[in-house]
C-alpha cells in the first residue's frame, strides 16, 4: 500500500462530480529507497520524496474492512446497506456471523441499532 499526501484536488468537469483528480506527493519506506532498510530505521518510518502524480480519486478511495485491511481482489467483500461499511466475508465468518445474502446485507452494528430503536 502506498502512502501519499494530497496536495491538490481538482474537479475536471463541472457537469460530472465523479471527474475529480488529485495531485499526490508520495512517501517511501526505507526498503523502497536506495540502500534499503537499515537497523536504525523505525518500524513505520517513511521518507518524503519529490515524486508526485495526478491520479483519479477512485484510485485512492478504497474499501476497508473493520479489520483495517484494504480491499484485496482475492478476499471477497460485502457492503452493509445501512452504514455502507465494507466487510471481508472471511472476517464475518471468523466472528461466527451468519451471512444472509438475499437482496441486502445488514451488519451486526446496524442490526443492533435497529433493534434498540424498535425497543425504545
PDB file of N, CA and C in Angstrom:
ATOM      1  N   UNK A   1       0.851  -1.164   0.000  1.00  0.00           N
ATOM      2  CA  UNK A   1       0.000   0.000   0.000  1.00  0.00           C
ATOM      3  C   UNK A   1       0.899   1.230   0.000  1.00  0.00           C
ATOM      4  N   UNK A   2       0.640   2.130  -0.914  1.00  0.00           N
ATOM      5  CA  UNK A   2       1.407   3.364  -0.985  1.00  0.00           C
ATOM      6  C   UNK A   2       0.806   4.405  -0.058  1.00  0.00           C
ATOM      7  N   UNK A   3       1.676   5.300   0.411  1.00  0.00           N
ATOM      8  CA  UNK A   3       1.235   6.364   1.288  1.00  0.00           C
ATOM      9  C   UNK A   3       1.611   7.691   0.642  1.00  0.00           C
ATOM     10  N   UNK A   4       0.662   8.603   0.611  1.00  0.00           N
ATOM     11  CA  UNK A   4       0.903   9.894  -0.012  1.00  0.00           C
ATOM     12  C   UNK A   4       0.149  10.993   0.691  1.00  0.00           C
ATOM     13  N   UNK A   5       0.480  12.215   0.325  1.00  0.00           N
ATOM     14  CA  UNK A   5      -0.189  13.402   0.858  1.00  0.00           C
ATOM     15  C   UNK A   5      -0.876  14.097  -0.311  1.00  0.00           C
ATOM     16  N   UNK A   6      -2.152  14.366  -0.162  1.00  0.00           N
ATOM     17  CA  UNK A   6      -2.894  15.046  -1.213  1.00  0.00           C
ATOM     18  C   UNK A   6      -2.524  16.527  -1.177  1.00  0.00           C
ATOM     19  N   UNK A   7      -1.983  17.004  -2.304  1.00  0.00           N
ATOM     20  CA  UNK A   7      -1.570  18.407  -2.399  1.00  0.00           C
ATOM     21  C   UNK A   7      -2.629  19.280  -3.053  1.00  0.00           C
ATOM     22  N   UNK A   8      -3.421  18.678  -3.950  1.00  0.00           N
ATOM     23  CA  UNK A   8      -4.417  19.468  -4.670  1.00  0.00           C
ATOM     24  C   UNK A   8      -5.562  18.566  -5.111  1.00  0.00           C
ATOM     25  N   UNK A   9      -6.776  19.099  -5.074  1.00  0.00           N
ATOM     26  CA  UNK A   9      -7.968  18.401  -5.560  1.00  0.00           C
ATOM     27  C   UNK A   9      -8.597  19.277  -6.634  1.00  0.00           C
ATOM     28  N   UNK A  10      -8.819  18.677  -7.812  1.00  0.00           N
ATOM     29  CA  UNK A  10      -9.370  19.440  -8.935  1.00  0.00           C
ATOM     30  C   UNK A  10     -10.538  18.677  -9.535  1.00  0.00           C
ATOM     31  N   UNK A  11     -11.677  19.367  -9.677  1.00  0.00           N
ATOM     32  CA  UNK A  11     -12.830  18.778 -10.364  1.00  0.00           C
ATOM     33  C   UNK A  11     -12.687  19.140 -11.834  1.00  0.00           C
ATOM     34  N   UNK A  12     -12.507  18.118 -12.685  1.00  0.00           N
ATOM     35  CA  UNK A  12     -12.227  18.330 -14.106  1.00  0.00           C
ATOM     36  C   UNK A  12     -13.461  18.661 -14.940  1.00  0.00           C
ATOM     37  N   UNK A  13     -14.631  18.346 -14.439  1.00  0.00           N
ATOM     38  CA  UNK A  13     -15.844  18.588 -15.205  1.00  0.00           C
ATOM     39  C   UNK A  13     -16.905  19.179 -14.290  1.00  0.00           C
ATOM     40  N   UNK A  14     -17.443  20.323 -14.684  1.00  0.00           N
ATOM     41  CA  UNK A  14     -18.482  20.962 -13.873  1.00  0.00           C
ATOM     42  C   UNK A  14     -19.765  20.155 -13.877  1.00  0.00           C
ATOM     43  N   UNK A  15     -19.971  19.362 -14.929  1.00  0.00           N
ATOM     44  CA  UNK A  15     -21.213  18.596 -15.042  1.00  0.00           C
ATOM     45  C   UNK A  15     -21.111  17.186 -14.450  1.00  0.00           C
ATOM     46  N   UNK A  16     -19.894  16.712 -14.177  1.00  0.00           N
ATOM     47  CA  UNK A  16     -19.720  15.347 -13.676  1.00  0.00           C
ATOM     48  C   UNK A  16     -18.893  15.377 -12.397  1.00  0.00           C
ATOM     49  N   UNK A  17     -19.569  15.239 -11.246  1.00  0.00           N
ATOM     50  CA  UNK A  17     -18.864  15.321  -9.957  1.00  0.00           C
ATOM     51  C   UNK A  17     -17.914  14.151  -9.725  1.00  0.00           C
ATOM     52  N   UNK A  18     -17.993  13.101 -10.549  1.00  0.00           N
ATOM     53  CA  UNK A  18     -17.092  11.962 -10.405  1.00  0.00           C
ATOM     54  C   UNK A  18     -15.729  12.227 -11.044  1.00  0.00           C
ATOM     55  N   UNK A  19     -15.624  13.270 -11.853  1.00  0.00           N
ATOM     56  CA  UNK A  19     -14.361  13.577 -12.525  1.00  0.00           C
ATOM     57  C   UNK A  19     -13.488  14.469 -11.645  1.00  0.00           C
ATOM     58  N   UNK A  20     -12.902  13.854 -10.625  1.00  0.00           N
ATOM     59  CA  UNK A  20     -12.052  14.563  -9.684  1.00  0.00           C
ATOM     60  C   UNK A  20     -10.654  13.961  -9.744  1.00  0.00           C
ATOM     61  N   UNK A  21      -9.662  14.833  -9.891  1.00  0.00           N
ATOM     62  CA  UNK A  21      -8.269  14.395  -9.913  1.00  0.00           C
ATOM     63  C   UNK A  21      -7.540  14.959  -8.703  1.00  0.00           C
ATOM     64  N   UNK A  22      -6.573  14.201  -8.245  1.00  0.00           N
ATOM     65  CA  UNK A  22      -5.789  14.589  -7.076  1.00  0.00           C
ATOM     66  C   UNK A  22      -4.318  14.650  -7.450  1.00  0.00           C
ATOM     67  N   UNK A  23      -3.626  15.668  -6.967  1.00  0.00           N
ATOM     68  CA  UNK A  23      -2.170  15.693  -7.072  1.00  0.00           C
ATOM     69  C   UNK A  23      -1.654  15.148  -5.747  1.00  0.00           C
ATOM     70  N   UNK A  24      -0.873  14.073  -5.832  1.00  0.00           N
ATOM     71  CA  UNK A  24      -0.410  13.376  -4.634  1.00  0.00           C
ATOM     72  C   UNK A  24       1.109  13.372  -4.583  1.00  0.00           C
ATOM     73  N   UNK A  25       1.676  13.753  -3.440  1.00  0.00           N
ATOM     74  CA  UNK A  25       3.112  13.635  -3.178  1.00  0.00           C
ATOM     75  C   UNK A  25       3.310  12.340  -2.395  1.00  0.00           C
ATOM     76  N   UNK A  26       4.172  11.471  -2.903  1.00  0.00           N
ATOM     77  CA  UNK A  26       4.333  10.133  -2.324  1.00  0.00           C
ATOM     78  C   UNK A  26       5.422  10.078  -1.265  1.00  0.00           C
ATOM     79  N   UNK A  27       5.199   9.211  -0.291  1.00  0.00           N
ATOM     80  CA  UNK A  27       6.189   8.879   0.733  1.00  0.00           C
ATOM     81  C   UNK A  27       6.719   7.481   0.433  1.00  0.00           C
ATOM     82  N   UNK A  28       7.940   7.217   0.889  1.00  0.00           N
ATOM     83  CA  UNK A  28       8.540   5.908   0.670  1.00  0.00           C
ATOM     84  C   UNK A  28       9.007   5.307   1.978  1.00  0.00           C
ATOM     85  N   UNK A  29       8.995   3.994   2.032  1.00  0.00           N
ATOM     86  CA  UNK A  29       9.541   3.249   3.161  1.00  0.00           C
ATOM     87  C   UNK A  29      11.028   3.028   2.898  1.00  0.00           C
ATOM     88  N   UNK A  30      11.817   2.811   3.944  1.00  0.00           N
ATOM     89  CA  UNK A  30      13.256   2.607   3.734  1.00  0.00           C
ATOM     90  C   UNK A  30      13.585   1.501   2.725  1.00  0.00           C
ATOM     91  N   UNK A  31      12.829   0.408   2.729  1.00  0.00           N
ATOM     92  CA  UNK A  31      13.135  -0.694   1.808  1.00  0.00           C
ATOM     93  C   UNK A  31      12.853  -0.338   0.350  1.00  0.00           C
ATOM     94  N   UNK A  32      12.135   0.753   0.110  1.00  0.00           N
ATOM     95  CA  UNK A  32      11.844   1.208  -1.244  1.00  0.00           C
ATOM     96  C   UNK A  32      12.885   2.214  -1.737  1.00  0.00           C
ATOM     97  N   UNK A  33      13.799   2.630  -0.858  1.00  0.00           N
ATOM     98  CA  UNK A  33      14.826   3.610  -1.203  1.00  0.00           C
ATOM     99  C   UNK A  33      16.147   2.905  -1.504  1.00  0.00           C
ATOM    100  N   UNK A  34      17.048   3.633  -2.159  1.00  0.00           N
ATOM    101  CA  UNK A  34      18.380   3.086  -2.444  1.00  0.00           C
ATOM    102  C   UNK A  34      19.066   2.762  -1.125  1.00  0.00           C
ATOM    103  N   UNK A  35      19.621   1.594  -1.005  1.00  0.00           N
ATOM    104  CA  UNK A  35      20.292   1.170   0.223  1.00  0.00           C
ATOM    105  C   UNK A  35      19.402   0.330   1.123  1.00  0.00           C
ATOM    106  N   UNK A  36      18.095   0.472   0.972  1.00  0.00           N
ATOM    107  CA  UNK A  36      17.155  -0.365   1.718  1.00  0.00           C
ATOM    108  C   UNK A  36      17.057  -0.041   3.194  1.00  0.00           C
ATOM    109  N   UNK A  37      16.323  -0.872   3.899  1.00  0.00           N
ATOM    110  CA  UNK A  37      16.084  -0.700   5.333  1.00  0.00           C
ATOM    111  C   UNK A  37      17.343  -1.034   6.118  1.00  0.00           C
ATOM    112  N   UNK A  38      17.648  -0.200   7.100  1.00  0.00           N
ATOM    113  CA  UNK A  38      18.796  -0.387   8.000  1.00  0.00           C
ATOM    114  C   UNK A  38      18.276  -0.610   9.417  1.00  0.00           C
ATOM    115  N   UNK A  39      19.137  -1.076  10.290  1.00  0.00           N
ATOM    116  CA  UNK A  39      18.756  -1.377  11.667  1.00  0.00           C
ATOM    117  C   UNK A  39      18.237  -0.145  12.417  1.00  0.00           C
ATOM    118  N   UNK A  40      18.712   1.039  12.041  1.00  0.00           N
ATOM    119  CA  UNK A  40      18.306   2.256  12.754  1.00  0.00           C
ATOM    120  C   UNK A  40      16.972   2.837  12.273  1.00  0.00           C
ATOM    121  N   UNK A  41      16.397   2.280  11.199  1.00  0.00           N
ATOM    122  CA  UNK A  41      15.103   2.773  10.721  1.00  0.00           C
ATOM    123  C   UNK A  41      13.975   2.297  11.637  1.00  0.00           C
ATOM    124  N   UNK A  42      13.049   3.179  11.889  1.00  0.00           N
ATOM    125  CA  UNK A  42      11.880   2.809  12.683  1.00  0.00           C
ATOM    126  C   UNK A  42      10.983   1.859  11.904  1.00  0.00           C
ATOM    127  N   UNK A  43      10.193   1.083  12.627  1.00  0.00           N
ATOM    128  CA  UNK A  43       9.318   0.085  12.007  1.00  0.00           C
ATOM    129  C   UNK A  43       8.341   0.713  11.022  1.00  0.00           C
ATOM    130  N   UNK A  44       7.828   1.901  11.344  1.00  0.00           N
ATOM    131  CA  UNK A  44       6.851   2.570  10.480  1.00  0.00           C
ATOM    132  C   UNK A  44       7.421   3.838   9.843  1.00  0.00           C
ATOM    133  N   UNK A  45       8.731   3.919   9.739  1.00  0.00           N
ATOM    134  CA  UNK A  45       9.374   5.120   9.206  1.00  0.00           C
ATOM    135  C   UNK A  45       9.058   5.324   7.727  1.00  0.00           C
ATOM    136  N   UNK A  46       8.851   6.593   7.374  1.00  0.00           N
ATOM    137  CA  UNK A  46       8.595   6.986   5.988  1.00  0.00           C
ATOM    138  C   UNK A  46       9.515   8.134   5.617  1.00  0.00           C
ATOM    139  N   UNK A  47       9.840   8.212   4.304  1.00  0.00           N
ATOM    140  CA  UNK A  47      10.629   9.312   3.782  1.00  0.00           C
ATOM    141  C   UNK A  47       9.767  10.137   2.843  1.00  0.00           C
ATOM    142  N   UNK A  48       9.931  11.475   2.902  1.00  0.00           N
ATOM    143  CA  UNK A  48       9.271  12.312   1.906  1.00  0.00           C
ATOM    144  C   UNK A  48      10.024  12.158   0.592  1.00  0.00           C
ATOM    145  N   UNK A  49       9.355  12.455  -0.505  1.00  0.00           N
ATOM    146  CA  UNK A  49      10.004  12.381  -1.811  1.00  0.00           C
ATOM    147  C   UNK A  49       9.535  13.537  -2.677  1.00  0.00           C
ATOM    148  N   UNK A  50      10.182  13.697  -3.825  1.00  0.00           N
ATOM    149  CA  UNK A  50       9.734  14.710  -4.770  1.00  0.00           C
ATOM    150  C   UNK A  50       8.872  14.081  -5.866  1.00  0.00           C
ATOM    151  N   UNK A  51       8.472  12.828  -5.666  1.00  0.00           N
ATOM    152  CA  UNK A  51       7.637  12.098  -6.617  1.00  0.00           C
ATOM    153  C   UNK A  51       6.187  12.515  -6.428  1.00  0.00           C
ATOM    154  N   UNK A  52       5.602  13.076  -7.486  1.00  0.00           N
ATOM    155  CA  UNK A  52       4.195  13.472  -7.468  1.00  0.00           C
ATOM    156  C   UNK A  52       3.487  12.863  -8.664  1.00  0.00           C
ATOM    157  N   UNK A  53       2.196  12.557  -8.501  1.00  0.00           N
ATOM    158  CA  UNK A  53       1.362  12.052  -9.576  1.00  0.00           C
ATOM    159  C   UNK A  53       0.017  12.768  -9.538  1.00  0.00           C
ATOM    160  N   UNK A  54      -0.612  12.860 -10.700  1.00  0.00           N
ATOM    161  CA  UNK A  54      -2.002  13.301 -10.790  1.00  0.00           C
ATOM    162  C   UNK A  54      -2.808  12.040 -11.041  1.00  0.00           C
ATOM    163  N   UNK A  55      -3.736  11.733 -10.126  1.00  0.00           N
ATOM    164  CA  UNK A  55      -4.486  10.476 -10.195  1.00  0.00           C
ATOM    165  C   UNK A  55      -5.977  10.749 -10.051  1.00  0.00           C
ATOM    166  N   UNK A  56      -6.790   9.824 -10.527  1.00  0.00           N
ATOM    167  CA  UNK A  56      -8.247   9.916 -10.367  1.00  0.00           C
ATOM    168  C   UNK A  56      -8.592   9.547  -8.932  1.00  0.00           C
ATOM    169  N   UNK A  57      -9.610  10.183  -8.385  1.00  0.00           N
ATOM    170  CA  UNK A  57      -9.975   9.951  -6.979  1.00  0.00           C
ATOM    171  C   UNK A  57     -10.284   8.494  -6.676  1.00  0.00           C
ATOM    172  N   UNK A  58     -10.818   7.753  -7.628  1.00  0.00           N
ATOM    173  CA  UNK A  58     -11.184   6.357  -7.379  1.00  0.00           C
ATOM    174  C   UNK A  58      -9.988   5.452  -7.135  1.00  0.00           C
ATOM    175  N   UNK A  59      -8.785   5.908  -7.473  1.00  0.00           N
ATOM    176  CA  UNK A  59      -7.612   5.073  -7.238  1.00  0.00           C
ATOM    177  C   UNK A  59      -7.184   5.073  -5.784  1.00  0.00           C
ATOM    178  N   UNK A  60      -7.673   6.035  -4.992  1.00  0.00           N
ATOM    179  CA  UNK A  60      -7.292   6.040  -3.574  1.00  0.00           C
ATOM    180  C   UNK A  60      -8.460   5.833  -2.628  1.00  0.00           C
ATOM    181  N   UNK A  61      -9.658   6.084  -3.072  1.00  0.00           N
ATOM    182  CA  UNK A  61     -10.805   5.912  -2.195  1.00  0.00           C
ATOM    183  C   UNK A  61     -11.204   4.450  -2.218  1.00  0.00           C
ATOM    184  N   UNK A  62     -10.575   3.674  -1.360  1.00  0.00           N
ATOM    185  CA  UNK A  62     -10.793   2.243  -1.379  1.00  0.00           C
ATOM    186  C   UNK A  62     -11.769   1.778  -0.332  1.00  0.00           C
ATOM    187  N   UNK A  63     -12.011   0.489  -0.354  1.00  0.00           N
ATOM    188  CA  UNK A  63     -12.892  -0.153   0.608  1.00  0.00           C
ATOM    189  C   UNK A  63     -12.024  -0.731   1.718  1.00  0.00           C
ATOM    190  N   UNK A  64     -12.393  -0.485   2.951  1.00  0.00           N
ATOM    191  CA  UNK A  64     -11.651  -1.016   4.084  1.00  0.00           C
ATOM    192  C   UNK A  64     -12.583  -1.784   4.992  1.00  0.00           C
ATOM    193  N   UNK A  65     -12.137  -2.950   5.411  1.00  0.00           N
ATOM    194  CA  UNK A  65     -12.895  -3.784   6.332  1.00  0.00           C
ATOM    195  C   UNK A  65     -12.675  -3.271   7.755  1.00  0.00           C
ATOM    196  N   UNK A  66     -13.486  -3.714   8.671  1.00  0.00           N
ATOM    197  CA  UNK A  66     -13.289  -3.347  10.072  1.00  0.00           C
ATOM    198  C   UNK A  66     -11.989  -3.934  10.633  1.00  0.00           C
ATOM    199  N   UNK A  67     -11.398  -4.919   9.935  1.00  0.00           N
ATOM    200  CA  UNK A  67     -10.102  -5.458  10.350  1.00  0.00           C
ATOM    201  C   UNK A  67      -8.978  -4.503   9.954  1.00  0.00           C
ATOM    202  N   UNK A  68      -9.341  -3.406   9.268  1.00  0.00           N
ATOM    203  CA  UNK A  68      -8.452  -2.341   8.835  1.00  0.00           C
ATOM    204  C   UNK A  68      -7.535  -2.724   7.680  1.00  0.00           C
ATOM    205  N   UNK A  69      -7.786  -3.871   7.051  1.00  0.00           N
ATOM    206  CA  UNK A  69      -7.040  -4.220   5.848  1.00  0.00           C
ATOM    207  C   UNK A  69      -7.795  -3.670   4.646  1.00  0.00           C
ATOM    208  N   UNK A  70      -7.067  -3.184   3.656  1.00  0.00           N
ATOM    209  CA  UNK A  70      -7.744  -2.605   2.495  1.00  0.00           C
ATOM    210  C   UNK A  70      -8.328  -3.665   1.579  1.00  0.00           C
ATOM    211  N   UNK A  71      -9.047  -3.183   0.594  1.00  0.00           N
ATOM    212  CA  UNK A  71      -9.622  -4.059  -0.426  1.00  0.00           C
ATOM    213  C   UNK A  71      -8.535  -4.898  -1.071  1.00  0.00           C
ATOM    214  N   UNK A  72      -8.822  -6.162  -1.251  1.00  0.00           N
ATOM    215  CA  UNK A  72      -7.927  -7.107  -1.922  1.00  0.00           C
ATOM    216  C   UNK A  72      -8.811  -7.947  -2.821  1.00  0.00           C
ATOM    217  N   UNK A  73      -8.546  -7.982  -4.123  1.00  0.00           N
ATOM    218  CA  UNK A  73      -9.426  -8.734  -5.019  1.00  0.00           C
ATOM    219  C   UNK A  73      -9.495 -10.226  -4.714  1.00  0.00           C
ATOM    220  N   UNK A  74      -8.528 -10.737  -3.930  1.00  0.00           N
ATOM    221  CA  UNK A  74      -8.532 -12.158  -3.563  1.00  0.00           C
ATOM    222  C   UNK A  74      -9.425 -12.451  -2.363  1.00  0.00           C
ATOM    223  N   UNK A  75      -9.864 -11.407  -1.664  1.00  0.00           N
ATOM    224  CA  UNK A  75     -10.713 -11.577  -0.487  1.00  0.00           C
ATOM    225  C   UNK A  75     -12.053 -10.901  -0.747  1.00  0.00           C
ATOM    226  N   UNK A  76     -13.104 -11.676  -1.005  1.00  0.00           N
ATOM    227  CA  UNK A  76     -14.411 -11.074  -1.299  1.00  0.00           C
ATOM    228  C   UNK A  76     -14.902 -10.204  -0.141  1.00  0.00           C
ATOM    229  N   UNK A  77     -15.561  -9.093  -0.511  1.00  0.00           N
ATOM    230  CA  UNK A  77     -16.094  -8.171   0.481  1.00  0.00           C
ATOM    231  C   UNK A  77     -17.566  -7.922   0.202  1.00  0.00           C
ATOM    232  N   UNK A  78     -18.258  -7.449   1.243  1.00  0.00           N
ATOM    233  CA  UNK A  78     -19.678  -7.118   1.126  1.00  0.00           C
ATOM    234  C   UNK A  78     -19.909  -5.807   1.863  1.00  0.00           C
ATOM    235  N   UNK A  79     -20.836  -4.990   1.347  1.00  0.00           N
ATOM    236  CA  UNK A  79     -21.125  -3.702   1.951  1.00  0.00           C
ATOM    237  C   UNK A  79     -22.456  -3.762   2.693  1.00  0.00           C
ATOM    238  N   UNK A  80     -22.475  -3.200   3.897  1.00  0.00           N
ATOM    239  CA  UNK A  80     -23.713  -3.078   4.660  1.00  0.00           C
ATOM    240  C   UNK A  80     -24.590  -2.042   3.965  1.00  0.00           C
ATOM    241  N   UNK A  81     -25.841  -2.394   3.725  1.00  0.00           N
ATOM    242  CA  UNK A  81     -26.765  -1.492   3.039  1.00  0.00           C
ATOM    243  C   UNK A  81     -27.144  -0.280   3.884  1.00  0.00           C
ATOM    244  N   UNK A  82     -26.978  -0.375   5.192  1.00  0.00           N
ATOM    245  CA  UNK A  82     -27.371   0.733   6.076  1.00  0.00           C
ATOM    246  C   UNK A  82     -26.244   1.746   6.274  1.00  0.00           C
ATOM    247  N   UNK A  83     -25.075   1.281   6.760  1.00  0.00           N
ATOM    248  CA  UNK A  83     -23.976   2.201   7.081  1.00  0.00           C
ATOM    249  C   UNK A  83     -22.944   2.317   5.966  1.00  0.00           C
ATOM    250  N   UNK A  84     -23.052   1.464   4.963  1.00  0.00           N
ATOM    251  CA  UNK A  84     -22.154   1.430   3.814  1.00  0.00           C
ATOM    252  C   UNK A  84     -20.705   1.115   4.182  1.00  0.00           C
ATOM    253  N   UNK A  85     -20.491   0.440   5.315  1.00  0.00           N
ATOM    254  CA  UNK A  85     -19.165  -0.061   5.676  1.00  0.00           C
ATOM    255  C   UNK A  85     -18.937  -1.365   4.914  1.00  0.00           C
ATOM    256  N   UNK A  86     -17.668  -1.650   4.612  1.00  0.00           N
ATOM    257  CA  UNK A  86     -17.308  -2.872   3.887  1.00  0.00           C
ATOM    258  C   UNK A  86     -16.728  -3.894   4.843  1.00  0.00           C
ATOM    259  N   UNK A  87     -17.003  -5.176   4.574  1.00  0.00           N
ATOM    260  CA  UNK A  87     -16.538  -6.279   5.410  1.00  0.00           C
ATOM    261  C   UNK A  87     -16.013  -7.400   4.530  1.00  0.00           C
ATOM    262  N   UNK A  88     -14.865  -7.968   4.920  1.00  0.00           N
ATOM    263  CA  UNK A  88     -14.416  -9.197   4.266  1.00  0.00           C
ATOM    264  C   UNK A  88     -15.358 -10.319   4.714  1.00  0.00           C
ATOM    265  N   UNK A  89     -15.777 -11.153   3.790  1.00  0.00           N
ATOM    266  CA  UNK A  89     -16.630 -12.286   4.172  1.00  0.00           C
ATOM    267  C   UNK A  89     -15.913 -13.154   5.194  1.00  0.00           C
ATOM    268  N   UNK A  90     -14.604 -13.313   5.028  1.00  0.00           N
ATOM    269  CA  UNK A  90     -13.810 -14.123   5.958  1.00  0.00           C
ATOM    270  C   UNK A  90     -13.856 -13.549   7.380  1.00  0.00           C
ATOM    271  N   UNK A  91     -13.809 -12.234   7.505  1.00  0.00           N
ATOM    272  CA  UNK A  91     -13.865 -11.600   8.835  1.00  0.00           C
ATOM    273  C   UNK A  91     -15.214 -11.844   9.495  1.00  0.00           C
ATOM    274  N   UNK A  92     -16.283 -11.761   8.712  1.00  0.00           N
ATOM    275  CA  UNK A  92     -17.617 -12.015   9.257  1.00  0.00           C
ATOM    276  C   UNK A  92     -17.742 -13.466   9.700  1.00  0.00           C
ATOM    277  N   UNK A  93     -17.209 -14.380   8.901  1.00  0.00           N
ATOM    278  CA  UNK A  93     -17.272 -15.807   9.248  1.00  0.00           C
ATOM    279  C   UNK A  93     -16.463 -16.105  10.496  1.00  0.00           C
ATOM    280  N   UNK A  94     -15.302 -15.440  10.655  1.00  0.00           N
ATOM    281  CA  UNK A  94     -14.459 -15.667  11.834  1.00  0.00           C
ATOM    282  C   UNK A  94     -15.149 -15.210  13.114  1.00  0.00           C
ATOM    283  N   UNK A  95     -16.056 -14.235  13.003  1.00  0.00           N
ATOM    284  CA  UNK A  95     -16.809 -13.769  14.175  1.00  0.00           C
ATOM    285  C   UNK A  95     -18.098 -14.550  14.339  1.00  0.00           C
ATOM    286  N   UNK A  96     -18.195 -15.666  13.628  1.00  0.00           N
ATOM    287  CA  UNK A  96     -19.367 -16.548  13.682  1.00  0.00           C
ATOM    288  C   UNK A  96     -20.663 -15.840  13.300  1.00  0.00           C
ATOM    289  N   UNK A  97     -20.554 -14.904  12.399  1.00  0.00           N
ATOM    290  CA  UNK A  97     -21.748 -14.221  11.904  1.00  0.00           C
ATOM    291  C   UNK A  97     -22.347 -15.031  10.763  1.00  0.00           C
ATOM    292  N   UNK A  98     -23.634 -15.177  10.780  1.00  0.00           N
ATOM    293  CA  UNK A  98     -24.298 -15.822   9.661  1.00  0.00           C
ATOM    294  C   UNK A  98     -24.548 -14.759   8.603  1.00  0.00           C
ATOM    295  N   UNK A  99     -24.068 -15.016   7.441  1.00  0.00           N
ATOM    296  CA  UNK A  99     -24.207 -14.060   6.355  1.00  0.00           C
ATOM    297  C   UNK A  99     -25.413 -14.458   5.524  1.00  0.00           C
ATOM    298  N   UNK A 100     -26.428 -13.630   5.570  1.00  0.00           N
ATOM    299  CA  UNK A 100     -27.642 -13.888   4.810  1.00  0.00           C
ATOM    300  C   UNK A 100     -27.633 -12.980   3.589  1.00  0.00           C
ATOM    301  N   UNK A 101     -27.276 -13.556   2.463  1.00  0.00           N
ATOM    302  CA  UNK A 101     -27.158 -12.773   1.236  1.00  0.00           C
ATOM    303  C   UNK A 101     -28.381 -12.995   0.364  1.00  0.00           C
ATOM    304  N   UNK A 102     -29.431 -12.323   0.689  1.00  0.00           N
ATOM    305  CA  UNK A 102     -30.609 -12.403  -0.160  1.00  0.00           C
ATOM    306  C   UNK A 102     -30.562 -11.190  -1.085  1.00  0.00           C
ATOM    307  N   UNK A 103     -31.299 -10.182  -0.797  1.00  0.00           N
ATOM    308  CA  UNK A 103     -31.268  -8.970  -1.613  1.00  0.00           C
ATOM    309  C   UNK A 103     -30.459  -7.860  -0.959  1.00  0.00           C
ATOM    310  N   UNK A 104     -30.120  -8.025   0.323  1.00  0.00           N
ATOM    311  CA  UNK A 104     -29.371  -6.988   1.026  1.00  0.00           C
ATOM    312  C   UNK A 104     -28.568  -7.606   2.160  1.00  0.00           C
ATOM    313  N   UNK A 105     -27.645  -6.815   2.710  1.00  0.00           N
ATOM    314  CA  UNK A 105     -26.844  -7.252   3.851  1.00  0.00           C
ATOM    315  C   UNK A 105     -26.840  -6.129   4.869  1.00  0.00           C
ATOM    316  N   UNK A 106     -27.042  -6.486   6.126  1.00  0.00           N
ATOM    317  CA  UNK A 106     -27.016  -5.530   7.238  1.00  0.00           C
ATOM    318  C   UNK A 106     -26.028  -6.057   8.277  1.00  0.00           C
ATOM    319  N   UNK A 107     -25.042  -5.246   8.640  1.00  0.00           N
ATOM    320  CA  UNK A 107     -24.030  -5.670   9.605  1.00  0.00           C
ATOM    321  C   UNK A 107     -24.618  -5.775  11.018  1.00  0.00           C
ATOM    322  N   UNK A 108     -23.887  -6.421  11.908  1.00  0.00           N
ATOM    323  CA  UNK A 108     -24.343  -6.601  13.288  1.00  0.00           C
ATOM    324  C   UNK A 108     -24.574  -5.269  14.001  1.00  0.00           C
ATOM    325  N   UNK A 109     -23.700  -4.298  13.750  1.00  0.00           N
ATOM    326  CA  UNK A 109     -23.832  -2.989  14.399  1.00  0.00           C
ATOM    327  C   UNK A 109     -25.158  -2.331  14.011  1.00  0.00           C
ATOM    328  N   UNK A 110     -25.474  -2.356  12.720  1.00  0.00           N
ATOM    329  CA  UNK A 110     -26.730  -1.736  12.255  1.00  0.00           C
ATOM    330  C   UNK A 110     -27.949  -2.536  12.720  1.00  0.00           C
ATOM    331  N   UNK A 111     -27.821  -3.871  12.772  1.00  0.00           N
ATOM    332  CA  UNK A 111     -28.920  -4.694  13.282  1.00  0.00           C
ATOM    333  C   UNK A 111     -29.209  -4.348  14.733  1.00  0.00           C
ATOM    334  N   UNK A 112     -28.136  -4.182  15.535  1.00  0.00           N
ATOM    335  CA  UNK A 112     -28.301  -3.855  16.955  1.00  0.00           C
ATOM    336  C   UNK A 112     -28.916  -2.468  17.117  1.00  0.00           C
ATOM    337  N   UNK A 113     -28.490  -1.511  16.281  1.00  0.00           N
ATOM    338  CA  UNK A 113     -29.048  -0.170  16.332  1.00  0.00           C
ATOM    339  C   UNK A 113     -30.532  -0.179  15.996  1.00  0.00           C
ATOM    340  N   UNK A 114     -30.906  -0.954  14.985  1.00  0.00           N
ATOM    341  CA  UNK A 114     -32.313  -1.046  14.589  1.00  0.00           C
ATOM    342  C   UNK A 114     -33.139  -1.715  15.684  1.00  0.00           C
ATOM    343  N   UNK A 115     -32.564  -2.737  16.305  1.00  0.00           N
ATOM    344  CA  UNK A 115     -33.263  -3.447  17.369  1.00  0.00           C
ATOM    345  C   UNK A 115     -33.490  -2.527  18.568  1.00  0.00           C
ATOM    346  N   UNK A 116     -32.466  -1.735  18.910  1.00  0.00           N
ATOM    347  CA  UNK A 116     -32.553  -0.799  20.027  1.00  0.00           C
ATOM    348  C   UNK A 116     -33.624   0.258  19.731  1.00  0.00           C
ATOM    349  N   UNK A 117     -33.685   0.736  18.493  1.00  0.00           N
ATOM    350  CA  UNK A 117     -34.686   1.745  18.107  1.00  0.00           C
ATOM    351  C   UNK A 117     -36.094   1.198  18.205  1.00  0.00           C
ATOM    352  N   UNK A 118     -36.265  -0.090  17.890  1.00  0.00           N
ATOM    353  CA  UNK A 118     -37.611  -0.705  17.987  1.00  0.00           C
ATOM    354  C   UNK A 118     -38.037  -0.852  19.427  1.00  0.00           C
ATOM    355  N   UNK A 119     -37.087  -1.110  20.336  1.00  0.00           N
ATOM    356  CA  UNK A 119     -37.396  -1.299  21.753  1.00  0.00           C
ATOM    357  C   UNK A 119     -37.779   0.014  22.405  1.00  0.00           C
ATOM    358  N   UNK A 120     -37.165   1.103  21.990  1.00  0.00           N
ATOM    359  CA  UNK A 120     -37.424   2.424  22.616  1.00  0.00           C
ATOM    360  C   UNK A 120     -38.716   2.953  22.204  1.00  0.00           C
TER     361      UNK A 120
END
